[in-house]
Amino acid sequence: QVQLVESGGGAVQPGGSLRLSCAASGFTFSKGGMFWYRQAPGKERELVASISSGGEFTNYEDSVKGRFTISRDNVKDTVYLQMNNLKPADTAVYYCRAIVGGQTTWGQGTQVTVSS
């Protein structure tokens, strides 16, 4: 069974940091492009960051460039999102997504709240 499980969310003050993890199982992780999305209340889900199967290529939404870093460990079958200098506008449910062989899988999401 293909599964993605996110963790690492929580509440943090502006300027703080969090590291999200997404553990994958049930498919060949090293062959999958991995993505982090977020969805704030009342807004559409948006792509935050992506990473290629081997980790060579990454891409970021403009508002997180220089603050967020996506990475992956193809031994641990896990993708990470390091989030620094967090802002209230980063408050959202964060989801990871895998695309392998044309099939897509979503995690259940983890809440990130940035507030003073």
N, C-alpha and C. Protein backbone atom coordinates (compact mmCIF):
# COMPACT_ATOMS: atom_id res chain seq x y z
N GLN A 1 0.85 -1.20 0.00
CA GLN A 1 0.00 0.00 0.00
C GLN A 1 0.88 1.24 0.00
N VAL A 2 0.64 2.11 -0.97
CA VAL A 2 1.39 3.35 -1.06
C VAL A 2 0.94 4.30 0.04
N GLN A 3 1.90 4.84 0.76
CA GLN A 3 1.55 5.70 1.88
C GLN A 3 2.60 6.78 2.09
N LEU A 4 2.13 7.97 2.44
CA LEU A 4 2.99 9.09 2.81
C LEU A 4 2.51 9.59 4.16
N VAL A 5 3.43 9.75 5.10
CA VAL A 5 3.07 10.21 6.43
C VAL A 5 3.93 11.41 6.80
N GLU A 6 3.28 12.56 6.95
CA GLU A 6 3.99 13.78 7.31
C GLU A 6 4.09 13.92 8.83
N SER A 7 5.12 14.61 9.27
CA SER A 7 5.28 14.93 10.68
C SER A 7 6.14 16.18 10.80
N GLY A 8 6.18 16.74 12.00
CA GLY A 8 7.05 17.88 12.26
C GLY A 8 6.35 19.22 12.33
N GLY A 9 5.07 19.24 12.06
CA GLY A 9 4.34 20.49 12.15
C GLY A 9 4.18 20.94 13.60
N GLY A 10 3.67 22.15 13.76
CA GLY A 10 3.45 22.66 15.10
C GLY A 10 3.25 24.16 15.08
N ALA A 11 3.29 24.74 16.27
CA ALA A 11 3.13 26.19 16.43
C ALA A 11 4.49 26.81 16.72
N VAL A 12 4.76 27.92 16.07
CA VAL A 12 6.05 28.59 16.23
C VAL A 12 5.85 30.09 16.10
N GLN A 13 6.73 30.85 16.72
CA GLN A 13 6.65 32.31 16.61
C GLN A 13 7.28 32.77 15.31
N PRO A 14 6.89 33.94 14.83
CA PRO A 14 7.54 34.49 13.63
C PRO A 14 9.05 34.53 13.79
N GLY A 15 9.74 34.16 12.72
CA GLY A 15 11.19 34.08 12.76
C GLY A 15 11.72 32.72 13.17
N GLY A 16 10.84 31.86 13.63
CA GLY A 16 11.24 30.53 14.07
C GLY A 16 11.43 29.56 12.91
N SER A 17 11.76 28.32 13.27
CA SER A 17 12.03 27.29 12.28
C SER A 17 11.28 26.01 12.62
N LEU A 18 10.98 25.25 11.58
CA LEU A 18 10.42 23.91 11.71
C LEU A 18 11.00 23.05 10.60
N ARG A 19 11.08 21.76 10.87
CA ARG A 19 11.49 20.81 9.84
C ARG A 19 10.40 19.76 9.68
N LEU A 20 9.80 19.75 8.50
CA LEU A 20 8.78 18.76 8.20
C LEU A 20 9.43 17.53 7.59
N SER A 21 8.86 16.37 7.90
CA SER A 21 9.31 15.12 7.31
C SER A 21 8.12 14.42 6.67
N CYS A 22 8.40 13.68 5.62
CA CYS A 22 7.37 12.89 4.96
C CYS A 22 7.97 11.51 4.67
N ALA A 23 7.51 10.53 5.40
CA ALA A 23 8.02 9.17 5.26
C ALA A 23 7.17 8.40 4.26
N ALA A 24 7.83 7.78 3.30
CA ALA A 24 7.14 7.08 2.22
C ALA A 24 7.27 5.58 2.38
N SER A 25 6.26 4.87 1.90
CA SER A 25 6.30 3.42 1.89
C SER A 25 5.40 2.89 0.79
N GLY A 26 5.68 1.67 0.35
CA GLY A 26 4.81 1.03 -0.63
C GLY A 26 5.14 1.29 -2.08
N PHE A 27 6.21 2.04 -2.33
CA PHE A 27 6.63 2.26 -3.70
C PHE A 27 8.13 2.53 -3.70
N THR A 28 8.71 2.55 -4.90
CA THR A 28 10.15 2.78 -5.03
C THR A 28 10.40 4.27 -4.92
N PHE A 29 10.71 4.69 -3.72
CA PHE A 29 10.83 6.12 -3.41
C PHE A 29 11.85 6.82 -4.31
N SER A 30 12.95 6.16 -4.59
CA SER A 30 14.04 6.79 -5.34
C SER A 30 13.68 7.09 -6.78
N LYS A 31 12.54 6.60 -7.23
CA LYS A 31 12.10 6.86 -8.61
C LYS A 31 11.03 7.95 -8.67
N GLY A 32 10.67 8.50 -7.55
CA GLY A 32 9.57 9.44 -7.52
C GLY A 32 9.97 10.89 -7.34
N GLY A 33 9.35 11.77 -8.13
CA GLY A 33 9.46 13.19 -7.82
C GLY A 33 8.64 13.45 -6.57
N MET A 34 9.15 14.33 -5.70
CA MET A 34 8.47 14.61 -4.45
C MET A 34 8.17 16.09 -4.36
N PHE A 35 7.05 16.40 -3.72
CA PHE A 35 6.54 17.77 -3.69
C PHE A 35 5.98 18.09 -2.29
N TRP A 36 6.16 19.34 -1.90
CA TRP A 36 5.48 19.87 -0.72
C TRP A 36 4.49 20.94 -1.19
N TYR A 37 3.26 20.80 -0.70
CA TYR A 37 2.21 21.77 -0.96
C TYR A 37 1.74 22.33 0.39
N ARG A 38 0.99 23.41 0.33
CA ARG A 38 0.34 23.91 1.54
C ARG A 38 -1.02 24.49 1.17
N GLN A 39 -1.90 24.47 2.15
CA GLN A 39 -3.23 25.03 1.96
C GLN A 39 -3.62 25.80 3.20
N ALA A 40 -3.77 27.11 3.03
CA ALA A 40 -4.22 27.97 4.11
C ALA A 40 -5.74 28.02 4.12
N PRO A 41 -6.35 28.35 5.25
CA PRO A 41 -7.81 28.42 5.32
C PRO A 41 -8.38 29.36 4.26
N GLY A 42 -9.36 28.88 3.52
CA GLY A 42 -10.01 29.70 2.52
C GLY A 42 -9.24 29.89 1.23
N LYS A 43 -8.09 29.23 1.12
CA LYS A 43 -7.26 29.39 -0.07
C LYS A 43 -7.06 28.05 -0.77
N GLU A 44 -6.65 28.11 -2.02
CA GLU A 44 -6.37 26.90 -2.77
C GLU A 44 -5.03 26.31 -2.34
N ARG A 45 -4.91 25.02 -2.54
CA ARG A 45 -3.63 24.37 -2.26
C ARG A 45 -2.59 24.86 -3.25
N GLU A 46 -1.40 25.17 -2.76
CA GLU A 46 -0.36 25.69 -3.64
C GLU A 46 0.93 24.89 -3.47
N LEU A 47 1.66 24.80 -4.57
CA LEU A 47 2.95 24.10 -4.56
C LEU A 47 4.00 24.99 -3.90
N VAL A 48 4.70 24.43 -2.94
CA VAL A 48 5.72 25.17 -2.21
C VAL A 48 7.12 24.82 -2.71
N ALA A 49 7.38 23.53 -2.88
CA ALA A 49 8.73 23.11 -3.27
C ALA A 49 8.64 21.74 -3.92
N SER A 50 9.62 21.46 -4.78
CA SER A 50 9.69 20.16 -5.43
C SER A 50 11.14 19.72 -5.51
N ILE A 51 11.32 18.40 -5.64
CA ILE A 51 12.67 17.85 -5.75
C ILE A 51 12.61 16.64 -6.67
N SER A 52 13.62 16.52 -7.52
CA SER A 52 13.66 15.42 -8.47
C SER A 52 13.99 14.11 -7.76
N SER A 53 13.84 13.02 -8.49
CA SER A 53 13.99 11.70 -7.87
C SER A 53 15.37 11.50 -7.24
N GLY A 54 16.41 12.01 -7.87
CA GLY A 54 17.75 11.86 -7.34
C GLY A 54 18.19 13.01 -6.45
N GLY A 55 17.36 14.01 -6.35
CA GLY A 55 17.67 15.16 -5.51
C GLY A 55 18.48 16.26 -6.18
N GLU A 56 18.76 16.07 -7.48
CA GLU A 56 19.64 17.04 -8.16
C GLU A 56 18.95 18.37 -8.42
N PHE A 57 17.65 18.33 -8.61
CA PHE A 57 16.94 19.53 -9.01
C PHE A 57 15.87 19.86 -7.98
N THR A 58 15.82 21.13 -7.62
CA THR A 58 14.80 21.61 -6.69
C THR A 58 14.17 22.87 -7.25
N ASN A 59 12.97 23.13 -6.78
CA ASN A 59 12.25 24.33 -7.21
C ASN A 59 11.41 24.84 -6.04
N TYR A 60 11.25 26.17 -6.00
CA TYR A 60 10.54 26.77 -4.87
C TYR A 60 9.56 27.84 -5.34
N GLU A 61 8.48 27.94 -4.61
CA GLU A 61 7.56 29.04 -4.81
C GLU A 61 8.28 30.32 -4.37
N ASP A 62 7.99 31.42 -5.05
CA ASP A 62 8.78 32.64 -4.85
C ASP A 62 8.80 33.11 -3.39
N SER A 63 7.70 33.01 -2.70
CA SER A 63 7.63 33.58 -1.35
C SER A 63 8.46 32.80 -0.33
N VAL A 64 8.91 31.60 -0.68
CA VAL A 64 9.69 30.80 0.28
C VAL A 64 11.15 30.68 -0.12
N LYS A 65 11.51 31.19 -1.28
CA LYS A 65 12.90 31.10 -1.73
C LYS A 65 13.82 31.77 -0.71
N GLY A 66 14.90 31.08 -0.40
CA GLY A 66 15.86 31.61 0.57
C GLY A 66 15.50 31.31 2.01
N ARG A 67 14.28 30.81 2.25
CA ARG A 67 13.85 30.48 3.62
C ARG A 67 13.60 28.98 3.80
N PHE A 68 13.07 28.34 2.77
CA PHE A 68 12.74 26.91 2.83
C PHE A 68 13.74 26.11 2.01
N THR A 69 14.02 24.90 2.47
CA THR A 69 14.89 24.00 1.73
C THR A 69 14.27 22.61 1.70
N ILE A 70 14.09 22.08 0.50
CA ILE A 70 13.60 20.72 0.34
C ILE A 70 14.79 19.79 0.13
N SER A 71 14.72 18.62 0.73
CA SER A 71 15.78 17.63 0.56
C SER A 71 15.16 16.24 0.70
N ARG A 72 15.93 15.23 0.34
CA ARG A 72 15.41 13.88 0.44
C ARG A 72 16.53 12.92 0.80
N ASP A 73 16.14 11.82 1.42
CA ASP A 73 17.07 10.75 1.77
C ASP A 73 16.51 9.48 1.15
N ASN A 74 17.14 9.03 0.07
CA ASN A 74 16.62 7.87 -0.66
C ASN A 74 16.98 6.54 0.02
N VAL A 75 17.69 6.62 1.12
CA VAL A 75 17.92 5.41 1.93
C VAL A 75 16.81 5.29 2.97
N LYS A 76 16.44 6.42 3.55
CA LYS A 76 15.38 6.43 4.56
C LYS A 76 13.99 6.61 3.96
N ASP A 77 13.92 6.79 2.63
CA ASP A 77 12.64 6.99 1.94
C ASP A 77 11.86 8.14 2.57
N THR A 78 12.54 9.24 2.75
CA THR A 78 11.94 10.38 3.42
C THR A 78 12.30 11.67 2.68
N VAL A 79 11.34 12.56 2.59
CA VAL A 79 11.58 13.89 2.05
C VAL A 79 11.36 14.89 3.19
N TYR A 80 12.15 15.95 3.16
CA TYR A 80 12.12 16.94 4.24
C TYR A 80 11.82 18.33 3.69
N LEU A 81 11.30 19.18 4.55
CA LEU A 81 11.16 20.59 4.23
C LEU A 81 11.64 21.38 5.44
N GLN A 82 12.82 21.95 5.32
CA GLN A 82 13.36 22.80 6.37
C GLN A 82 12.83 24.21 6.16
N MET A 83 12.16 24.74 7.15
CA MET A 83 11.52 26.05 7.04
C MET A 83 12.12 26.99 8.08
N ASN A 84 12.78 28.03 7.59
CA ASN A 84 13.41 29.01 8.47
C ASN A 84 12.74 30.37 8.31
N ASN A 85 12.97 31.24 9.28
CA ASN A 85 12.42 32.59 9.24
C ASN A 85 10.92 32.55 8.89
N LEU A 86 10.19 31.75 9.61
CA LEU A 86 8.77 31.57 9.32
C LEU A 86 7.98 32.85 9.57
N LYS A 87 6.96 33.02 8.74
CA LYS A 87 6.11 34.21 8.80
C LYS A 87 4.66 33.78 9.03
N PRO A 88 3.83 34.66 9.56
CA PRO A 88 2.42 34.31 9.73
C PRO A 88 1.76 33.84 8.42
N ALA A 89 2.20 34.37 7.29
CA ALA A 89 1.65 33.97 6.00
C ALA A 89 1.99 32.53 5.64
N ASP A 90 2.91 31.91 6.37
CA ASP A 90 3.26 30.51 6.13
C ASP A 90 2.30 29.55 6.84
N THR A 91 1.40 30.08 7.64
CA THR A 91 0.43 29.25 8.36
C THR A 91 -0.46 28.50 7.37
N ALA A 92 -0.48 27.18 7.50
CA ALA A 92 -1.22 26.35 6.55
C ALA A 92 -1.09 24.89 6.98
N VAL A 93 -1.88 24.05 6.33
CA VAL A 93 -1.65 22.61 6.40
C VAL A 93 -0.69 22.27 5.27
N TYR A 94 0.39 21.58 5.60
CA TYR A 94 1.40 21.21 4.62
C TYR A 94 1.25 19.73 4.25
N TYR A 95 1.25 19.48 2.95
CA TYR A 95 1.06 18.13 2.42
C TYR A 95 2.26 17.74 1.57
N CYS A 96 2.65 16.49 1.64
CA CYS A 96 3.62 16.01 0.66
C CYS A 96 2.90 15.17 -0.39
N ARG A 97 3.51 15.12 -1.53
CA ARG A 97 2.94 14.42 -2.67
C ARG A 97 4.04 13.69 -3.40
N ALA A 98 3.74 12.47 -3.86
CA ALA A 98 4.68 11.69 -4.65
C ALA A 98 4.07 11.44 -6.01
N ILE A 99 4.90 11.53 -7.04
CA ILE A 99 4.48 11.15 -8.38
C ILE A 99 5.47 10.12 -8.89
N VAL A 100 4.97 8.91 -9.09
CA VAL A 100 5.82 7.81 -9.55
C VAL A 100 5.08 7.07 -10.65
N GLY A 101 5.72 7.00 -11.82
CA GLY A 101 5.11 6.27 -12.92
C GLY A 101 3.73 6.79 -13.29
N GLY A 102 3.54 8.08 -13.16
CA GLY A 102 2.27 8.68 -13.52
C GLY A 102 1.22 8.62 -12.42
N GLN A 103 1.51 7.91 -11.35
CA GLN A 103 0.55 7.83 -10.24
C GLN A 103 0.93 8.81 -9.15
N THR A 104 -0.08 9.41 -8.56
CA THR A 104 0.15 10.41 -7.53
C THR A 104 -0.44 9.96 -6.20
N THR A 105 0.27 10.27 -5.14
CA THR A 105 -0.17 9.94 -3.79
C THR A 105 0.03 11.16 -2.91
N TRP A 106 -0.92 11.40 -2.01
CA TRP A 106 -0.86 12.51 -1.07
C TRP A 106 -0.76 11.99 0.36
N GLY A 107 -0.08 12.75 1.19
CA GLY A 107 -0.10 12.50 2.61
C GLY A 107 -1.32 13.14 3.24
N GLN A 108 -1.44 12.95 4.55
CA GLN A 108 -2.64 13.43 5.24
C GLN A 108 -2.50 14.88 5.70
N GLY A 109 -1.30 15.40 5.66
CA GLY A 109 -1.07 16.80 6.02
C GLY A 109 -0.62 16.99 7.45
N THR A 110 0.09 18.08 7.67
CA THR A 110 0.53 18.46 9.01
C THR A 110 0.37 19.97 9.17
N GLN A 111 -0.17 20.39 10.29
CA GLN A 111 -0.50 21.80 10.50
C GLN A 111 0.74 22.57 10.94
N VAL A 112 0.95 23.72 10.30
CA VAL A 112 1.99 24.66 10.71
C VAL A 112 1.30 25.98 11.04
N THR A 113 1.52 26.48 12.23
CA THR A 113 0.92 27.73 12.66
C THR A 113 2.02 28.68 13.12
N VAL A 114 2.08 29.84 12.49
CA VAL A 114 3.08 30.84 12.83
C VAL A 114 2.35 32.05 13.42
N SER A 115 2.59 32.28 14.69
CA SER A 115 1.86 33.33 15.38
C SER A 115 2.62 33.78 16.61
N SER A 116 2.50 35.07 16.91
CA SER A 116 3.11 35.59 18.12
C SER A 116 2.12 35.55 19.28
